[in-house]
Structures are given as C-alpha cells and as structure tokens.
Amino acid sequence: MPAAGTPAPVPMPSVSDMGPTLHPGARLPGSILALLLTLAAGAARADCATFEIVGDGIPLPLSQQTADADAGRQAAADRQRGDCSICHQLPLPNARFHGNVGPDLSAIGARLTPPQIRLRVAANRHLNPESVMPDYGISRDRHQVAEAFAGQPILTAREIEDIVAWLASLDGSEP
C-alpha cells in the first residue's frame, strides 16, 4: 500500500483485455489497429469506399460494379444527387442553366484521365482544400447538412463511378 499522499499505482490492463492480436504476444485495441493498418497502406477513407490516392488520381474504381455512363449523366444532372451543372458547363441540354463557378467540363475526358476525374469527384479538396466543390464521396467537413443526411457522403461509390465514366467520355464533340 502506498504511503499517505502518494498516488496509488494504476493497474495495467492484461494482454487479454487489449483487443485483436497484431503479432504473437502483443495486442492493440481494435480502433488503433485499424488506424495503423489504414495509415500503413496509405489509403484515404471515403464514406462511400476506401481508396488510395496516387499522384493526382485514384487509380482503382471505388465500386466493383461496371460503371454506366448513361446513369452517370443522369446522376450529374439530378438536382438531388450530383447537380453538376449548378457550377459547371456540361452537355446537358435539359439543364435550366449552367454555372460558371467551376471549369467547363464539356471536354473533360480529353484533358483528364479517369483516375484524375475520380479524385476530383470523390475527394476534390485533397487537391484544393479551398475549393467550394464538395467531396462527393466523403461526409466529413460538410456544413449545414440536413440531419437526415448527416454523416453520409453525397454520392455512393457506384454513382461516382458512373459519373466518372460519363465525364471520361466527354471529348468536346457533344452538342
């Protein structure tokens, strides 16, 4: 027993209390292990998918499903999902107006590769933290979000891949 005025020793948790095994004989709490594995892999976490940024792109698709460019055009035009024409010029003849806050995307497929487009849609602020364009695949750092949508990405991995397929097809030849 410690002398008066001396703090009592804090018991150390037993190895069996500390979660999954990292290697034989050592254990880490599960949340720390997950963080270490994510950092070691160099992966970024998007709420819609886990992805790795390489250079200025995300080389691997976010979804295992085959991308559909027509569905991507529809998602980009949908005011409840992508609503891309609010800021960008696009070959969407039925859009009420086209914005000019962001770059003209009418020939984006001639300028950028699908991995570059994927990064700009899923996690644009990785390239430009001051951008007004949201990260469509990540829910963090979103402000004034309706409670029903808090903690959710704007688009799913599938929707992002569909939009990437459509944007990658835009070479400037569309009316």
Protein backbone atom coordinates (compact mmCIF):
# COMPACT_ATOMS: atom_id res chain seq x y z
CA MET A 1 0.00 0.00 0.00
CA PRO A 2 1.41 3.44 -0.91
CA ALA A 3 2.32 5.94 1.80
CA ALA A 4 -0.14 8.75 2.54
CA GLY A 5 -0.02 11.46 -0.15
CA THR A 6 1.48 9.08 -2.73
CA PRO A 7 -0.78 8.25 -5.69
CA ALA A 8 -1.92 4.67 -5.92
CA PRO A 9 -0.42 2.71 -8.80
CA VAL A 10 -2.70 2.37 -11.79
CA PRO A 11 -3.21 -1.28 -12.70
CA MET A 12 -2.17 -2.12 -16.24
CA PRO A 13 -4.76 -3.92 -18.35
CA SER A 14 -3.97 -7.51 -19.06
CA VAL A 15 -2.99 -8.50 -22.56
CA SER A 16 -6.29 -10.33 -22.96
CA ASP A 17 -8.19 -7.05 -22.37
CA MET A 18 -6.49 -5.18 -25.19
CA GLY A 19 -8.20 -6.45 -28.34
CA PRO A 20 -7.02 -8.16 -31.53
CA THR A 21 -3.53 -9.57 -31.88
CA LEU A 22 -1.11 -7.57 -34.04
CA HIS A 23 1.61 -10.22 -33.80
CA PRO A 24 2.15 -13.10 -31.39
CA GLY A 25 2.43 -11.85 -27.84
CA ALA A 26 1.29 -8.25 -28.49
CA ARG A 27 -2.21 -6.81 -28.71
CA LEU A 28 -3.65 -3.44 -29.63
CA PRO A 29 -7.13 -2.03 -29.20
CA GLY A 30 -9.12 -2.66 -32.40
CA SER A 31 -9.52 1.05 -33.25
CA ILE A 32 -5.78 1.67 -33.03
CA LEU A 33 -5.03 -1.42 -35.10
CA ALA A 34 -7.48 -0.29 -37.80
CA LEU A 35 -5.92 3.19 -37.86
CA LEU A 36 -2.40 1.79 -38.12
CA LEU A 37 -3.35 -0.57 -40.93
CA THR A 38 -5.03 2.27 -42.83
CA LEU A 39 -2.03 4.57 -42.40
CA ALA A 40 0.41 1.83 -43.32
CA ALA A 41 -1.48 1.16 -46.53
CA GLY A 42 -1.51 4.86 -47.44
CA ALA A 43 -5.25 4.68 -48.01
CA ALA A 44 -7.73 7.50 -47.62
CA ARG A 45 -11.15 6.79 -46.17
CA ALA A 46 -14.16 7.92 -48.09
CA ASP A 47 -17.52 7.12 -46.64
CA CYS A 48 -18.58 5.57 -49.93
CA ALA A 49 -15.41 3.46 -50.32
CA THR A 50 -11.80 3.11 -49.26
CA PHE A 51 -9.37 4.38 -51.86
CA GLU A 52 -5.72 5.15 -52.39
CA ILE A 53 -4.60 8.43 -53.94
CA VAL A 54 -1.61 8.04 -56.25
CA GLY A 55 -0.24 11.30 -57.63
CA ASP A 56 -3.23 13.33 -58.79
CA GLY A 57 -5.68 10.46 -59.14
CA ILE A 58 -7.40 7.44 -57.64
CA PRO A 59 -6.29 4.61 -59.95
CA LEU A 60 -8.73 1.91 -58.83
CA PRO A 61 -12.52 2.12 -59.19
CA LEU A 62 -14.47 2.76 -55.99
CA SER A 63 -17.08 0.14 -56.90
CA GLN A 64 -16.77 -3.41 -58.21
CA GLN A 65 -19.86 -2.89 -60.36
CA THR A 66 -19.43 -1.93 -64.02
CA ALA A 67 -19.80 1.82 -64.48
CA ASP A 68 -22.68 3.09 -66.61
CA ALA A 69 -22.04 6.38 -68.43
CA ASP A 70 -25.77 6.97 -69.08
CA ALA A 71 -26.50 6.57 -65.36
CA GLY A 72 -23.58 8.94 -64.71
CA ARG A 73 -25.12 11.59 -66.97
CA GLN A 74 -28.40 11.20 -65.10
CA ALA A 75 -26.71 11.45 -61.68
CA ALA A 76 -24.73 14.52 -62.77
CA ALA A 77 -27.93 16.22 -63.96
CA ASP A 78 -30.07 15.20 -60.96
CA ARG A 79 -30.61 18.15 -58.63
CA GLN A 80 -30.88 15.76 -55.66
CA ARG A 81 -27.57 13.99 -56.35
CA GLY A 82 -24.71 15.41 -58.43
CA ASP A 83 -26.29 18.63 -59.72
CA CYS A 84 -23.00 19.30 -61.55
CA SER A 85 -24.46 21.93 -63.90
CA ILE A 86 -25.08 24.28 -60.99
CA CYS A 87 -21.34 25.10 -61.15
CA HIS A 88 -20.11 23.63 -64.45
CA GLN A 89 -20.82 23.96 -68.16
CA LEU A 90 -21.84 20.49 -69.38
CA PRO A 91 -23.51 18.97 -72.44
CA LEU A 92 -26.84 18.66 -70.62
CA PRO A 93 -29.41 20.29 -72.90
CA ASN A 94 -32.26 19.94 -70.38
CA ALA A 95 -30.44 21.72 -67.56
CA ARG A 96 -32.12 25.03 -66.71
CA PHE A 97 -28.82 26.85 -66.53
CA HIS A 98 -25.13 26.06 -66.41
CA GLY A 99 -22.87 27.62 -63.82
CA ASN A 100 -19.50 29.19 -64.32
CA VAL A 101 -18.03 28.82 -60.83
CA GLY A 102 -16.20 25.64 -61.82
CA PRO A 103 -14.39 24.79 -65.03
CA ASP A 104 -16.20 23.87 -68.25
CA LEU A 105 -16.44 20.06 -68.27
CA SER A 106 -17.63 19.68 -71.86
CA ALA A 107 -14.29 18.17 -72.91
CA ILE A 108 -13.00 16.94 -69.54
CA GLY A 109 -12.40 13.44 -70.95
CA ALA A 110 -9.88 14.91 -73.40
CA ARG A 111 -8.00 16.69 -70.59
CA LEU A 112 -8.05 14.25 -67.66
CA THR A 113 -7.79 10.50 -67.18
CA PRO A 114 -10.49 8.52 -65.33
CA PRO A 115 -8.27 8.28 -62.19
CA GLN A 116 -7.84 12.07 -62.22
CA ILE A 117 -11.58 12.62 -62.68
CA ARG A 118 -12.33 10.09 -59.91
CA LEU A 119 -10.22 12.04 -57.40
CA ARG A 120 -11.83 15.34 -58.41
CA VAL A 121 -15.32 13.93 -57.87
CA ALA A 122 -14.72 11.79 -54.76
CA ALA A 123 -12.21 13.95 -52.85
CA ASN A 124 -11.62 17.22 -54.68
CA ARG A 125 -10.43 19.02 -51.55
CA HIS A 126 -7.41 16.72 -51.45
CA LEU A 127 -6.16 18.73 -54.43
CA ASN A 128 -7.61 22.10 -53.42
CA PRO A 129 -8.63 22.47 -49.76
CA GLU A 130 -10.17 25.89 -50.53
CA SER A 131 -12.47 24.59 -53.27
CA VAL A 132 -16.19 25.30 -52.99
CA MET A 133 -16.85 21.94 -54.67
CA PRO A 134 -17.73 19.33 -52.08
CA ASP A 135 -16.05 15.98 -51.76
CA TYR A 136 -18.88 13.85 -53.14
CA GLY A 137 -17.56 10.61 -51.64
CA ILE A 138 -16.68 11.84 -48.15
CA SER A 139 -19.01 13.04 -45.42
CA ARG A 140 -16.56 14.86 -43.15
CA ASP A 141 -16.16 18.64 -43.28
CA ARG A 142 -19.67 19.19 -44.64
CA HIS A 143 -21.57 22.09 -43.13
CA GLN A 144 -25.27 22.87 -42.77
CA VAL A 145 -26.34 19.36 -43.73
CA ALA A 146 -29.91 18.27 -43.00
CA GLU A 147 -30.00 15.89 -40.06
CA ALA A 148 -31.26 13.04 -42.23
CA PHE A 149 -28.09 13.29 -44.38
CA ALA A 150 -25.51 13.99 -41.67
CA GLY A 151 -22.59 11.56 -41.75
CA GLN A 152 -23.39 10.34 -45.26
CA PRO A 153 -21.49 11.01 -48.49
CA ILE A 154 -23.35 12.92 -51.20
CA LEU A 155 -22.89 10.12 -53.74
CA THR A 156 -22.38 6.38 -53.47
CA ALA A 157 -19.29 4.66 -54.87
CA ARG A 158 -21.41 3.38 -57.76
CA GLU A 159 -22.75 6.86 -58.57
CA ILE A 160 -19.22 8.29 -58.53
CA GLU A 161 -18.03 5.57 -60.91
CA ASP A 162 -20.99 6.22 -63.21
CA ILE A 163 -20.23 9.95 -63.26
CA VAL A 164 -16.54 9.23 -63.91
CA ALA A 165 -17.50 7.01 -66.87
CA TRP A 166 -19.72 9.75 -68.32
CA LEU A 167 -17.23 12.58 -67.76
CA ALA A 168 -14.38 10.50 -69.20
CA SER A 169 -16.44 10.08 -72.37
CA LEU A 170 -16.78 13.84 -72.87
CA ASP A 171 -14.26 14.84 -75.53
CA GLY A 172 -15.89 18.07 -76.69
CA SER A 173 -17.74 16.55 -79.64
CA GLU A 174 -21.13 16.50 -77.85
CA PRO A 175 -23.64 19.18 -78.87
